[in-house]
N, C-alpha and C. Protein backbone atom coordinates (compact mmCIF):
# COMPACT_ATOMS: atom_id res chain seq x y z
N MET A 1 85.90 -22.29 -50.16
CA MET A 1 85.23 -23.16 -49.19
C MET A 1 85.39 -24.62 -49.60
N ARG A 2 85.88 -25.44 -48.68
CA ARG A 2 86.05 -26.86 -48.97
C ARG A 2 84.69 -27.55 -48.96
N ARG A 3 84.47 -28.38 -49.96
CA ARG A 3 83.19 -29.05 -50.06
C ARG A 3 82.94 -29.92 -48.82
N LYS A 4 81.74 -29.84 -48.28
CA LYS A 4 81.39 -30.62 -47.10
C LYS A 4 81.27 -32.10 -47.48
N LEU A 5 81.83 -32.95 -46.62
CA LEU A 5 81.75 -34.39 -46.84
C LEU A 5 80.69 -34.99 -45.93
N ILE A 6 79.94 -35.93 -46.46
CA ILE A 6 78.91 -36.60 -45.68
C ILE A 6 79.45 -37.88 -45.07
N TRP A 7 80.31 -38.57 -45.81
CA TRP A 7 80.91 -39.82 -45.32
C TRP A 7 82.39 -39.60 -44.98
N ASP A 8 82.95 -40.55 -44.23
CA ASP A 8 84.36 -40.52 -43.86
C ASP A 8 85.23 -40.63 -45.10
N GLU A 9 86.17 -39.72 -45.25
CA GLU A 9 86.98 -39.68 -46.46
C GLU A 9 87.85 -40.92 -46.63
N GLU A 10 88.42 -41.42 -45.55
CA GLU A 10 89.29 -42.59 -45.64
C GLU A 10 88.51 -43.80 -46.14
N LEU A 11 87.30 -43.97 -45.65
CA LEU A 11 86.47 -45.09 -46.09
C LEU A 11 86.11 -44.95 -47.57
N MET A 12 85.83 -43.74 -48.00
CA MET A 12 85.50 -43.53 -49.42
C MET A 12 86.70 -43.83 -50.31
N LEU A 13 87.90 -43.50 -49.84
CA LEU A 13 89.10 -43.78 -50.62
C LEU A 13 89.36 -45.29 -50.70
N GLN A 14 89.06 -46.01 -49.61
CA GLN A 14 89.18 -47.47 -49.64
C GLN A 14 88.21 -48.05 -50.65
N SER A 15 86.99 -47.51 -50.66
CA SER A 15 85.97 -47.96 -51.60
C SER A 15 86.42 -47.69 -53.04
N ARG A 16 86.99 -46.53 -53.27
CA ARG A 16 87.47 -46.17 -54.62
C ARG A 16 88.58 -47.12 -55.06
N GLN A 17 89.48 -47.45 -54.15
CA GLN A 17 90.57 -48.36 -54.49
C GLN A 17 90.04 -49.74 -54.88
N LEU A 18 89.05 -50.23 -54.14
CA LEU A 18 88.45 -51.52 -54.48
C LEU A 18 87.74 -51.44 -55.82
N LEU A 19 87.08 -50.35 -56.09
CA LEU A 19 86.39 -50.17 -57.36
C LEU A 19 87.39 -50.20 -58.52
N GLU A 20 88.54 -49.59 -58.33
CA GLU A 20 89.58 -49.62 -59.36
C GLU A 20 90.06 -51.05 -59.60
N THR A 21 90.11 -51.85 -58.54
CA THR A 21 90.49 -53.26 -58.69
C THR A 21 89.46 -54.00 -59.51
N PHE A 22 88.19 -53.73 -59.26
CA PHE A 22 87.13 -54.36 -60.06
C PHE A 22 87.30 -54.01 -61.54
N LYS A 23 87.61 -52.75 -61.81
CA LYS A 23 87.78 -52.33 -63.20
C LYS A 23 88.98 -53.02 -63.83
N ALA A 24 90.07 -53.12 -63.09
CA ALA A 24 91.27 -53.76 -63.62
C ALA A 24 91.02 -55.23 -63.94
N ARG A 25 90.13 -55.86 -63.20
CA ARG A 25 89.81 -57.27 -63.44
C ARG A 25 88.68 -57.44 -64.46
N ALA A 26 88.21 -56.33 -65.01
CA ALA A 26 87.23 -56.32 -66.10
C ALA A 26 85.93 -57.03 -65.75
N PHE A 27 85.46 -56.87 -64.53
CA PHE A 27 84.14 -57.39 -64.20
C PHE A 27 83.09 -56.62 -64.99
N ASP A 28 82.13 -57.35 -65.55
CA ASP A 28 81.09 -56.72 -66.36
C ASP A 28 79.97 -56.25 -65.44
N MET A 29 79.97 -54.96 -65.12
CA MET A 29 79.00 -54.41 -64.18
C MET A 29 78.62 -53.00 -64.61
N VAL A 30 77.46 -52.56 -64.16
CA VAL A 30 76.97 -51.22 -64.44
C VAL A 30 76.76 -50.52 -63.10
N LEU A 31 77.49 -49.46 -62.87
CA LEU A 31 77.41 -48.76 -61.59
C LEU A 31 76.07 -48.04 -61.43
N ILE A 32 75.56 -48.11 -60.20
CA ILE A 32 74.40 -47.33 -59.80
C ILE A 32 74.77 -46.67 -58.47
N GLY A 33 73.85 -45.99 -57.83
CA GLY A 33 74.14 -45.44 -56.51
C GLY A 33 75.18 -44.33 -56.53
N GLY A 34 75.84 -44.17 -55.38
CA GLY A 34 76.75 -43.04 -55.19
C GLY A 34 77.92 -42.97 -56.14
N TRP A 35 78.52 -44.11 -56.45
CA TRP A 35 79.67 -44.08 -57.36
C TRP A 35 79.24 -43.73 -58.78
N ALA A 36 78.07 -44.16 -59.19
CA ALA A 36 77.57 -43.78 -60.51
C ALA A 36 77.40 -42.26 -60.59
N VAL A 37 76.84 -41.69 -59.53
CA VAL A 37 76.66 -40.24 -59.49
C VAL A 37 78.02 -39.53 -59.50
N TYR A 38 78.97 -40.08 -58.77
CA TYR A 38 80.30 -39.44 -58.71
C TYR A 38 80.95 -39.38 -60.09
N PHE A 39 80.96 -40.47 -60.80
CA PHE A 39 81.62 -40.47 -62.12
C PHE A 39 80.85 -39.64 -63.14
N LEU A 40 79.56 -39.49 -62.93
CA LEU A 40 78.75 -38.68 -63.83
C LEU A 40 78.92 -37.18 -63.55
N THR A 41 79.05 -36.83 -62.26
CA THR A 41 79.02 -35.41 -61.88
C THR A 41 80.26 -34.91 -61.15
N ARG A 42 81.07 -35.84 -60.59
CA ARG A 42 82.24 -35.50 -59.76
C ARG A 42 81.82 -34.81 -58.47
N TYR A 43 80.60 -35.07 -58.02
CA TYR A 43 80.13 -34.39 -56.80
C TYR A 43 80.76 -34.97 -55.53
N HIS A 44 80.54 -36.24 -55.21
CA HIS A 44 80.90 -36.78 -53.90
C HIS A 44 81.14 -38.28 -54.05
N MET A 45 82.25 -38.77 -53.50
CA MET A 45 82.53 -40.20 -53.56
C MET A 45 81.54 -40.97 -52.68
N SER A 46 81.60 -42.28 -52.77
CA SER A 46 80.67 -43.14 -52.03
C SER A 46 81.46 -44.08 -51.13
N ARG A 47 80.79 -44.61 -50.14
CA ARG A 47 81.44 -45.60 -49.27
C ARG A 47 81.04 -47.03 -49.64
N VAL A 48 79.85 -47.17 -50.23
CA VAL A 48 79.35 -48.48 -50.67
C VAL A 48 79.41 -48.56 -52.18
N ILE A 49 79.73 -49.72 -52.70
CA ILE A 49 79.78 -49.93 -54.15
C ILE A 49 78.50 -50.67 -54.55
N ASP A 50 77.67 -50.02 -55.35
CA ASP A 50 76.41 -50.61 -55.82
C ASP A 50 76.48 -50.77 -57.34
N PHE A 51 76.10 -51.95 -57.82
CA PHE A 51 76.09 -52.12 -59.27
C PHE A 51 75.16 -53.23 -59.71
N LEU A 52 74.83 -53.19 -61.00
CA LEU A 52 74.06 -54.23 -61.66
C LEU A 52 75.03 -55.23 -62.27
N MET A 53 74.63 -56.49 -62.25
CA MET A 53 75.47 -57.55 -62.84
C MET A 53 74.57 -58.69 -63.25
N ARG A 54 74.92 -59.36 -64.32
CA ARG A 54 74.14 -60.52 -64.75
C ARG A 54 74.35 -61.68 -63.78
N ASP A 55 73.32 -62.52 -63.64
CA ASP A 55 73.43 -63.70 -62.77
C ASP A 55 74.62 -64.57 -63.16
N ARG A 56 74.83 -64.71 -64.46
CA ARG A 56 75.88 -65.61 -64.91
C ARG A 56 77.28 -65.10 -64.61
N GLU A 57 77.41 -63.81 -64.27
CA GLU A 57 78.71 -63.23 -63.94
C GLU A 57 78.96 -63.17 -62.44
N LEU A 58 77.91 -63.40 -61.66
CA LEU A 58 77.99 -63.19 -60.22
C LEU A 58 79.03 -64.10 -59.56
N TRP A 59 79.17 -65.33 -60.04
CA TRP A 59 80.10 -66.26 -59.39
C TRP A 59 81.54 -65.74 -59.44
N LYS A 60 81.90 -65.03 -60.50
CA LYS A 60 83.25 -64.49 -60.61
C LYS A 60 83.52 -63.47 -59.51
N MET A 61 82.55 -62.59 -59.29
CA MET A 61 82.69 -61.59 -58.25
C MET A 61 82.71 -62.23 -56.87
N ARG A 62 81.81 -63.19 -56.65
CA ARG A 62 81.78 -63.88 -55.36
C ARG A 62 83.11 -64.56 -55.08
N SER A 63 83.65 -65.24 -56.07
CA SER A 63 84.93 -65.94 -55.89
C SER A 63 86.06 -64.97 -55.56
N PHE A 64 86.08 -63.84 -56.26
CA PHE A 64 87.14 -62.85 -56.02
C PHE A 64 87.04 -62.27 -54.61
N ILE A 65 85.85 -61.89 -54.21
CA ILE A 65 85.67 -61.27 -52.90
C ILE A 65 86.04 -62.25 -51.78
N GLN A 66 85.57 -63.48 -51.91
CA GLN A 66 85.88 -64.46 -50.88
C GLN A 66 87.37 -64.81 -50.85
N ALA A 67 87.99 -64.89 -52.01
CA ALA A 67 89.43 -65.17 -52.07
C ALA A 67 90.24 -64.01 -51.50
N SER A 68 89.65 -62.81 -51.49
CA SER A 68 90.33 -61.62 -50.97
C SER A 68 90.06 -61.39 -49.48
N GLY A 69 89.35 -62.34 -48.86
CA GLY A 69 89.08 -62.22 -47.43
C GLY A 69 87.74 -61.60 -47.09
N GLY A 70 86.91 -61.37 -48.09
CA GLY A 70 85.60 -60.79 -47.84
C GLY A 70 84.58 -61.86 -47.47
N ARG A 71 83.39 -61.42 -47.14
CA ARG A 71 82.33 -62.36 -46.77
C ARG A 71 81.01 -61.94 -47.40
N GLU A 72 80.17 -62.92 -47.63
CA GLU A 72 78.84 -62.65 -48.16
C GLU A 72 77.88 -62.45 -47.01
N LYS A 73 77.04 -61.43 -47.11
CA LYS A 73 76.03 -61.18 -46.09
C LYS A 73 74.91 -62.21 -46.22
N ALA A 74 74.00 -62.20 -45.26
CA ALA A 74 72.86 -63.11 -45.32
C ALA A 74 72.13 -62.90 -46.64
N PRO A 75 71.83 -63.97 -47.37
CA PRO A 75 71.20 -63.83 -48.68
C PRO A 75 69.83 -63.18 -48.60
N GLY A 76 69.51 -62.41 -49.62
CA GLY A 76 68.21 -61.76 -49.69
C GLY A 76 67.66 -61.86 -51.09
N ILE A 77 66.39 -61.50 -51.25
CA ILE A 77 65.78 -61.61 -52.58
C ILE A 77 65.91 -60.31 -53.36
N ARG A 78 66.32 -59.21 -52.68
CA ARG A 78 66.37 -57.91 -53.34
C ARG A 78 67.77 -57.53 -53.81
N LYS A 79 68.80 -58.21 -53.29
CA LYS A 79 70.17 -57.92 -53.70
C LYS A 79 71.10 -58.98 -53.12
N VAL A 80 72.34 -58.97 -53.60
CA VAL A 80 73.38 -59.83 -53.06
C VAL A 80 74.42 -58.92 -52.41
N GLY A 81 74.65 -59.08 -51.13
CA GLY A 81 75.54 -58.18 -50.41
C GLY A 81 76.81 -58.83 -49.94
N PHE A 82 77.91 -58.07 -49.98
CA PHE A 82 79.20 -58.55 -49.50
C PHE A 82 79.87 -57.46 -48.67
N GLU A 83 80.86 -57.85 -47.89
CA GLU A 83 81.73 -56.91 -47.20
C GLU A 83 83.16 -57.34 -47.43
N LEU A 84 84.00 -56.40 -47.81
CA LEU A 84 85.42 -56.66 -47.99
C LEU A 84 86.16 -55.57 -47.24
N GLY A 85 86.76 -55.94 -46.11
CA GLY A 85 87.30 -54.93 -45.23
C GLY A 85 86.15 -54.10 -44.67
N ASP A 86 86.26 -52.80 -44.78
CA ASP A 86 85.20 -51.91 -44.29
C ASP A 86 84.24 -51.48 -45.40
N VAL A 87 84.44 -52.01 -46.60
CA VAL A 87 83.65 -51.57 -47.76
C VAL A 87 82.48 -52.52 -48.01
N GLY A 88 81.30 -51.95 -48.15
CA GLY A 88 80.12 -52.72 -48.49
C GLY A 88 79.93 -52.79 -49.99
N ILE A 89 79.45 -53.92 -50.47
CA ILE A 89 79.23 -54.14 -51.91
C ILE A 89 77.82 -54.70 -52.08
N ASP A 90 76.98 -54.02 -52.82
CA ASP A 90 75.61 -54.47 -53.07
C ASP A 90 75.43 -54.70 -54.57
N ILE A 91 75.03 -55.93 -54.91
CA ILE A 91 74.91 -56.33 -56.31
C ILE A 91 73.46 -56.69 -56.62
N TYR A 92 72.99 -56.20 -57.76
CA TYR A 92 71.61 -56.46 -58.19
C TYR A 92 71.66 -57.19 -59.53
N THR A 93 70.97 -58.33 -59.60
CA THR A 93 70.97 -59.13 -60.82
C THR A 93 69.54 -59.29 -61.34
N GLU A 94 69.40 -60.04 -62.44
CA GLU A 94 68.06 -60.24 -63.01
C GLU A 94 67.11 -60.89 -62.00
N THR A 95 67.63 -61.80 -61.18
CA THR A 95 66.77 -62.55 -60.25
C THR A 95 66.86 -62.06 -58.81
N ARG A 96 67.78 -61.14 -58.55
CA ARG A 96 67.95 -60.63 -57.18
C ARG A 96 67.97 -59.11 -57.23
N SER A 97 66.79 -58.52 -57.39
CA SER A 97 66.72 -57.07 -57.50
C SER A 97 65.34 -56.57 -57.08
N GLY A 98 65.33 -55.57 -56.22
CA GLY A 98 64.10 -54.90 -55.87
C GLY A 98 64.05 -53.51 -56.47
N LEU A 99 64.83 -53.29 -57.52
CA LEU A 99 64.95 -51.97 -58.13
C LEU A 99 63.89 -51.74 -59.20
N PRO A 100 63.51 -50.47 -59.42
CA PRO A 100 62.54 -50.15 -60.47
C PRO A 100 63.18 -50.03 -61.85
N VAL A 101 64.16 -50.89 -62.13
CA VAL A 101 64.74 -50.98 -63.47
C VAL A 101 64.88 -52.45 -63.82
N ASP A 102 64.82 -52.74 -65.09
CA ASP A 102 64.98 -54.11 -65.58
C ASP A 102 66.47 -54.36 -65.82
N VAL A 103 67.08 -55.17 -64.96
CA VAL A 103 68.53 -55.40 -65.04
C VAL A 103 68.91 -56.00 -66.38
N ASN A 104 68.15 -56.96 -66.85
CA ASN A 104 68.47 -57.60 -68.12
C ASN A 104 68.39 -56.60 -69.28
N GLU A 105 67.39 -55.72 -69.24
CA GLU A 105 67.22 -54.71 -70.29
C GLU A 105 68.41 -53.75 -70.32
N VAL A 106 68.93 -53.39 -69.15
CA VAL A 106 70.07 -52.47 -69.09
C VAL A 106 71.25 -53.03 -69.87
N PHE A 107 71.52 -54.32 -69.73
CA PHE A 107 72.64 -54.93 -70.43
C PHE A 107 72.33 -55.18 -71.90
N GLU A 108 71.13 -55.67 -72.19
CA GLU A 108 70.79 -56.01 -73.58
C GLU A 108 70.68 -54.78 -74.47
N LYS A 109 70.21 -53.66 -73.90
CA LYS A 109 70.01 -52.44 -74.69
C LYS A 109 71.09 -51.39 -74.44
N ASP A 110 72.12 -51.76 -73.69
CA ASP A 110 73.22 -50.82 -73.39
C ASP A 110 72.71 -49.50 -72.81
N LEU A 111 71.91 -49.61 -71.76
CA LEU A 111 71.32 -48.42 -71.14
C LEU A 111 72.28 -47.83 -70.10
N PHE A 112 73.45 -47.49 -70.59
CA PHE A 112 74.48 -46.92 -69.72
C PHE A 112 75.38 -46.02 -70.54
N VAL A 113 76.16 -45.20 -69.84
CA VAL A 113 77.17 -44.36 -70.46
C VAL A 113 78.52 -44.78 -69.90
N ILE A 114 79.59 -44.45 -70.58
CA ILE A 114 80.93 -44.79 -70.11
C ILE A 114 81.59 -43.54 -69.52
N GLU A 115 82.00 -43.64 -68.27
CA GLU A 115 82.67 -42.55 -67.57
C GLU A 115 83.93 -43.11 -66.90
N ASP A 116 85.09 -42.60 -67.28
CA ASP A 116 86.36 -43.06 -66.70
C ASP A 116 86.54 -44.57 -66.81
N GLY A 117 86.05 -45.14 -67.89
CA GLY A 117 86.21 -46.57 -68.10
C GLY A 117 85.18 -47.42 -67.39
N TYR A 118 84.23 -46.80 -66.70
CA TYR A 118 83.18 -47.53 -65.99
C TYR A 118 81.86 -47.41 -66.75
N LYS A 119 81.07 -48.46 -66.73
CA LYS A 119 79.71 -48.39 -67.22
C LYS A 119 78.86 -47.78 -66.11
N VAL A 120 78.17 -46.69 -66.43
CA VAL A 120 77.34 -45.97 -65.46
C VAL A 120 75.92 -45.95 -65.98
N LEU A 121 74.96 -46.30 -65.15
CA LEU A 121 73.57 -46.34 -65.57
C LEU A 121 73.16 -45.01 -66.20
N GLU A 122 72.40 -45.08 -67.28
CA GLU A 122 71.92 -43.89 -68.01
C GLU A 122 71.32 -42.90 -67.01
N PRO A 123 71.63 -41.59 -67.14
CA PRO A 123 71.26 -40.60 -66.12
C PRO A 123 69.79 -40.56 -65.74
N GLY A 124 68.87 -40.68 -66.70
CA GLY A 124 67.44 -40.66 -66.37
C GLY A 124 67.07 -41.80 -65.45
N ARG A 125 67.56 -42.97 -65.75
CA ARG A 125 67.28 -44.14 -64.91
C ARG A 125 68.00 -44.05 -63.56
N LEU A 126 69.19 -43.46 -63.56
CA LEU A 126 69.91 -43.26 -62.31
C LEU A 126 69.12 -42.32 -61.38
N LEU A 127 68.56 -41.27 -61.94
CA LEU A 127 67.71 -40.38 -61.15
C LEU A 127 66.52 -41.14 -60.57
N ARG A 128 65.96 -42.01 -61.37
CA ARG A 128 64.81 -42.82 -60.91
C ARG A 128 65.20 -43.65 -59.69
N LEU A 129 66.37 -44.29 -59.75
CA LEU A 129 66.83 -45.12 -58.63
C LEU A 129 67.13 -44.28 -57.39
N LYS A 130 67.78 -43.13 -57.60
CA LYS A 130 68.14 -42.29 -56.46
C LYS A 130 66.89 -41.74 -55.76
N LEU A 131 65.88 -41.38 -56.51
CA LEU A 131 64.64 -40.90 -55.92
C LEU A 131 63.95 -42.01 -55.14
N ASP A 132 63.99 -43.20 -55.67
CA ASP A 132 63.40 -44.35 -54.99
C ASP A 132 64.13 -44.60 -53.67
N ALA A 133 65.46 -44.47 -53.68
CA ALA A 133 66.26 -44.70 -52.48
C ALA A 133 66.02 -43.63 -51.43
N ALA A 134 65.73 -42.41 -51.88
CA ALA A 134 65.58 -41.28 -50.95
C ALA A 134 64.31 -41.34 -50.12
N ARG A 135 63.35 -42.13 -50.55
CA ARG A 135 62.07 -42.20 -49.83
C ARG A 135 62.29 -42.75 -48.41
N GLY A 136 61.73 -42.07 -47.45
CA GLY A 136 61.79 -42.54 -46.07
C GLY A 136 63.11 -42.27 -45.36
N ARG A 137 64.01 -41.54 -46.03
CA ARG A 137 65.31 -41.26 -45.42
C ARG A 137 65.48 -39.77 -45.08
N ASP A 138 64.41 -39.06 -44.98
CA ASP A 138 64.45 -37.60 -44.89
C ASP A 138 65.40 -37.06 -43.83
N GLN A 139 65.39 -37.64 -42.64
CA GLN A 139 66.16 -37.08 -41.52
C GLN A 139 67.50 -37.77 -41.30
N SER A 140 67.91 -38.62 -42.20
CA SER A 140 69.15 -39.37 -42.01
C SER A 140 70.26 -38.85 -42.92
N PRO A 141 71.54 -39.13 -42.58
CA PRO A 141 72.64 -38.77 -43.48
C PRO A 141 72.49 -39.41 -44.86
N LYS A 142 71.95 -40.63 -44.92
CA LYS A 142 71.73 -41.28 -46.22
C LYS A 142 70.74 -40.47 -47.05
N GLY A 143 69.72 -39.95 -46.39
CA GLY A 143 68.73 -39.14 -47.10
C GLY A 143 69.34 -37.86 -47.64
N LEU A 144 70.18 -37.22 -46.83
CA LEU A 144 70.87 -36.01 -47.29
C LEU A 144 71.75 -36.33 -48.50
N LYS A 145 72.49 -37.43 -48.42
CA LYS A 145 73.36 -37.82 -49.54
C LYS A 145 72.53 -38.11 -50.79
N ASP A 146 71.41 -38.80 -50.64
CA ASP A 146 70.53 -39.08 -51.79
C ASP A 146 70.06 -37.78 -52.44
N ARG A 147 69.61 -36.84 -51.62
CA ARG A 147 69.09 -35.58 -52.17
C ARG A 147 70.19 -34.78 -52.86
N CYS A 148 71.38 -34.79 -52.28
CA CYS A 148 72.51 -34.09 -52.90
C CYS A 148 72.90 -34.76 -54.22
N ASP A 149 72.90 -36.08 -54.23
CA ASP A 149 73.20 -36.81 -55.47
C ASP A 149 72.20 -36.44 -56.57
N ILE A 150 70.94 -36.40 -56.21
CA ILE A 150 69.89 -36.07 -57.18
C ILE A 150 70.07 -34.67 -57.73
N LEU A 151 70.33 -33.71 -56.85
CA LEU A 151 70.53 -32.33 -57.31
C LEU A 151 71.78 -32.22 -58.16
N SER A 152 72.83 -32.95 -57.82
CA SER A 152 74.07 -32.87 -58.61
C SER A 152 73.84 -33.35 -60.03
N ILE A 153 73.01 -34.38 -60.21
CA ILE A 153 72.67 -34.85 -61.56
C ILE A 153 71.87 -33.79 -62.31
N CYS A 154 70.90 -33.22 -61.63
CA CYS A 154 70.05 -32.20 -62.26
C CYS A 154 70.86 -30.96 -62.66
N LEU A 155 71.82 -30.58 -61.83
CA LEU A 155 72.62 -29.38 -62.10
C LEU A 155 73.71 -29.64 -63.14
N LYS A 156 74.13 -30.88 -63.26
CA LYS A 156 75.20 -31.22 -64.20
C LYS A 156 74.77 -30.98 -65.64
N ASP A 157 73.58 -31.42 -65.98
CA ASP A 157 73.10 -31.31 -67.36
C ASP A 157 71.58 -31.38 -67.36
N ILE A 158 70.94 -30.34 -67.81
CA ILE A 158 69.47 -30.29 -67.77
C ILE A 158 68.86 -31.37 -68.65
N SER A 159 69.61 -31.89 -69.62
CA SER A 159 69.08 -32.96 -70.46
C SER A 159 68.84 -34.23 -69.64
N TYR A 160 69.57 -34.38 -68.52
CA TYR A 160 69.34 -35.54 -67.64
C TYR A 160 67.96 -35.45 -67.00
N VAL A 161 67.52 -34.25 -66.69
CA VAL A 161 66.19 -34.04 -66.11
C VAL A 161 65.13 -34.37 -67.15
N VAL A 162 65.35 -33.93 -68.37
CA VAL A 162 64.41 -34.21 -69.46
C VAL A 162 64.33 -35.72 -69.71
N SER A 163 65.48 -36.39 -69.66
CA SER A 163 65.51 -37.83 -69.84
C SER A 163 64.69 -38.53 -68.77
N TYR A 164 64.82 -38.05 -67.55
CA TYR A 164 64.03 -38.62 -66.44
C TYR A 164 62.54 -38.40 -66.67
N LYS A 165 62.18 -37.18 -67.06
CA LYS A 165 60.77 -36.87 -67.31
C LYS A 165 60.19 -37.79 -68.37
N ASN A 166 60.90 -37.95 -69.47
CA ASN A 166 60.41 -38.81 -70.55
C ASN A 166 60.30 -40.26 -70.11
N LEU A 167 61.23 -40.70 -69.28
CA LEU A 167 61.22 -42.07 -68.79
C LEU A 167 59.98 -42.35 -67.95
N VAL A 168 59.70 -41.48 -66.98
CA VAL A 168 58.58 -41.76 -66.07
C VAL A 168 57.23 -41.49 -66.75
N LEU A 169 57.19 -40.53 -67.67
CA LEU A 169 55.94 -40.29 -68.39
C LEU A 169 55.66 -41.44 -69.35
N GLY A 170 56.74 -42.09 -69.82
CA GLY A 170 56.56 -43.24 -70.70
C GLY A 170 55.87 -44.40 -70.02
N THR A 171 55.94 -44.46 -68.70
CA THR A 171 55.25 -45.49 -67.92
C THR A 171 54.07 -44.90 -67.15
N ASN A 172 53.74 -43.65 -67.49
CA ASN A 172 52.62 -42.94 -66.85
C ASN A 172 52.79 -42.86 -65.33
N ASP A 173 54.04 -42.72 -64.89
CA ASP A 173 54.33 -42.67 -63.45
C ASP A 173 54.43 -41.21 -63.01
N ARG A 174 53.29 -40.56 -62.90
CA ARG A 174 53.28 -39.14 -62.54
C ARG A 174 53.69 -38.92 -61.08
N ALA A 175 53.55 -39.93 -60.26
CA ALA A 175 53.98 -39.81 -58.87
C ALA A 175 55.50 -39.64 -58.80
N ALA A 176 56.21 -40.34 -59.68
CA ALA A 176 57.67 -40.21 -59.73
C ALA A 176 58.07 -38.82 -60.21
N LEU A 177 57.30 -38.28 -61.16
CA LEU A 177 57.57 -36.93 -61.65
C LEU A 177 57.36 -35.91 -60.53
N GLU A 178 56.29 -36.08 -59.80
CA GLU A 178 55.99 -35.17 -58.69
C GLU A 178 57.02 -35.32 -57.58
N GLY A 179 57.57 -36.53 -57.44
CA GLY A 179 58.58 -36.76 -56.42
C GLY A 179 59.81 -35.89 -56.63
N LEU A 180 60.25 -35.78 -57.89
CA LEU A 180 61.41 -34.94 -58.18
C LEU A 180 61.05 -33.46 -58.02
N ARG A 181 59.87 -33.08 -58.46
CA ARG A 181 59.43 -31.69 -58.29
C ARG A 181 59.46 -31.30 -56.81
N SER A 182 58.91 -32.16 -55.98
CA SER A 182 58.84 -31.88 -54.55
C SER A 182 60.24 -31.77 -53.93
N LEU A 183 61.12 -32.67 -54.32
CA LEU A 183 62.48 -32.64 -53.77
C LEU A 183 63.18 -31.33 -54.13
N VAL A 184 63.05 -30.92 -55.38
CA VAL A 184 63.69 -29.68 -55.83
C VAL A 184 63.11 -28.47 -55.11
N LYS A 185 61.80 -28.42 -54.99
CA LYS A 185 61.14 -27.29 -54.33
C LYS A 185 61.58 -27.15 -52.88
N ASN A 186 61.79 -28.27 -52.20
CA ASN A 186 62.12 -28.25 -50.78
C ASN A 186 63.62 -28.20 -50.49
N ALA A 187 64.45 -28.32 -51.51
CA ALA A 187 65.90 -28.33 -51.32
C ALA A 187 66.39 -26.98 -50.80
N ASP A 188 67.40 -27.01 -49.95
CA ASP A 188 67.97 -25.78 -49.38
C ASP A 188 69.46 -25.97 -49.15
N ILE A 189 69.81 -26.54 -48.00
CA ILE A 189 71.22 -26.73 -47.66
C ILE A 189 71.92 -27.66 -48.64
N GLU A 190 71.13 -28.50 -49.34
CA GLU A 190 71.71 -29.43 -50.31
C GLU A 190 72.51 -28.71 -51.40
N PHE A 191 72.09 -27.50 -51.78
CA PHE A 191 72.81 -26.75 -52.81
C PHE A 191 74.21 -26.39 -52.33
N GLU A 192 74.34 -26.06 -51.06
CA GLU A 192 75.65 -25.72 -50.50
C GLU A 192 76.57 -26.94 -50.52
N TYR A 193 76.02 -28.10 -50.19
CA TYR A 193 76.82 -29.33 -50.23
C TYR A 193 77.29 -29.63 -51.65
N VAL A 194 76.37 -29.53 -52.60
CA VAL A 194 76.69 -29.90 -53.98
C VAL A 194 77.67 -28.92 -54.63
N LEU A 195 77.46 -27.64 -54.42
CA LEU A 195 78.29 -26.63 -55.08
C LEU A 195 79.56 -26.30 -54.32
N GLY A 196 79.63 -26.71 -53.04
CA GLY A 196 80.84 -26.47 -52.26
C GLY A 196 81.05 -25.02 -51.89
N GLU A 197 79.97 -24.26 -51.81
CA GLU A 197 80.07 -22.85 -51.46
C GLU A 197 78.72 -22.34 -50.97
N LYS A 198 78.75 -21.20 -50.27
CA LYS A 198 77.50 -20.59 -49.87
C LYS A 198 76.74 -20.15 -51.11
N VAL A 199 75.45 -20.38 -51.12
CA VAL A 199 74.63 -20.06 -52.30
C VAL A 199 73.54 -19.08 -51.88
N SER A 200 73.46 -17.98 -52.58
CA SER A 200 72.47 -16.95 -52.24
C SER A 200 71.06 -17.45 -52.56
N PRO A 201 70.07 -16.95 -51.86
CA PRO A 201 68.68 -17.33 -52.16
C PRO A 201 68.31 -17.08 -53.62
N GLY A 202 68.87 -16.02 -54.21
CA GLY A 202 68.58 -15.71 -55.60
C GLY A 202 69.09 -16.79 -56.54
N ARG A 203 70.31 -17.28 -56.29
CA ARG A 203 70.87 -18.35 -57.12
C ARG A 203 70.10 -19.64 -56.95
N VAL A 204 69.74 -19.94 -55.70
CA VAL A 204 68.96 -21.15 -55.43
C VAL A 204 67.64 -21.11 -56.20
N LYS A 205 67.00 -19.95 -56.19
CA LYS A 205 65.74 -19.79 -56.90
C LYS A 205 65.91 -20.06 -58.39
N LYS A 206 67.00 -19.53 -58.98
CA LYS A 206 67.24 -19.73 -60.42
C LYS A 206 67.51 -21.20 -60.74
N PHE A 207 68.28 -21.86 -59.88
CA PHE A 207 68.55 -23.29 -60.08
C PHE A 207 67.24 -24.08 -60.06
N LYS A 208 66.42 -23.78 -59.07
CA LYS A 208 65.16 -24.50 -58.94
C LYS A 208 64.25 -24.25 -60.15
N GLU A 209 64.17 -23.00 -60.57
CA GLU A 209 63.30 -22.67 -61.70
C GLU A 209 63.74 -23.40 -62.97
N ARG A 210 65.05 -23.50 -63.17
CA ARG A 210 65.56 -24.18 -64.37
C ARG A 210 65.20 -25.66 -64.36
N ILE A 211 65.36 -26.30 -63.21
CA ILE A 211 65.05 -27.73 -63.12
C ILE A 211 63.55 -27.96 -63.25
N LEU A 212 62.79 -27.17 -62.53
CA LEU A 212 61.32 -27.34 -62.56
C LEU A 212 60.75 -27.06 -63.95
N SER A 213 61.35 -26.12 -64.65
CA SER A 213 60.90 -25.82 -66.01
C SER A 213 61.09 -27.02 -66.92
N ALA A 214 62.20 -27.75 -66.72
CA ALA A 214 62.49 -28.93 -67.56
C ALA A 214 61.50 -30.06 -67.28
N LEU A 215 60.85 -30.01 -66.12
CA LEU A 215 59.89 -31.05 -65.75
C LEU A 215 58.47 -30.74 -66.22
N GLU A 216 58.26 -29.55 -66.78
CA GLU A 216 56.94 -29.17 -67.25
C GLU A 216 56.56 -29.93 -68.53
């Protein structure tokens, strides 16, 4: 069974090509969002490129994108957005971020792993961001993609779930812990998307029990 795609494949390939260009130019960035999940789990490519970057490095990226024919979106306080061709680029810095992670801390404490030559946000924190993004998107394709991304991280390595638990308990954020529990309990078709095959109710139950046990 061919894995079901949520986004247009051609657009995702364009996004991947641009991401490779960023890597070749050695921009100092830490991937979050769909591409971070992809390099961590190999589940599903992304159409938008999301990453953390220091304020002092932002001008280099802005100059490159504009010189390549891209444009900057209307400025916001939660992120810096660009479009290059059909690919969206969302950048979060120390002063332009609405994320529940400290951008400066990520760089100063090396809170990332290296996958295929890319800096990818540490899995526990990546789960935190994906759960935050999934809120309010229940009935949309973005919500489905968020839930699949979250499950793919949990299924890839149970230690990622433990890392997430320790992270949110360290800030006494039990609502975030319950958020992951609820998502796992309610997941259904998401397992078919992530695994690329029909999944029996018995297997789904075992997957859920393993993840939920790690959250105890």
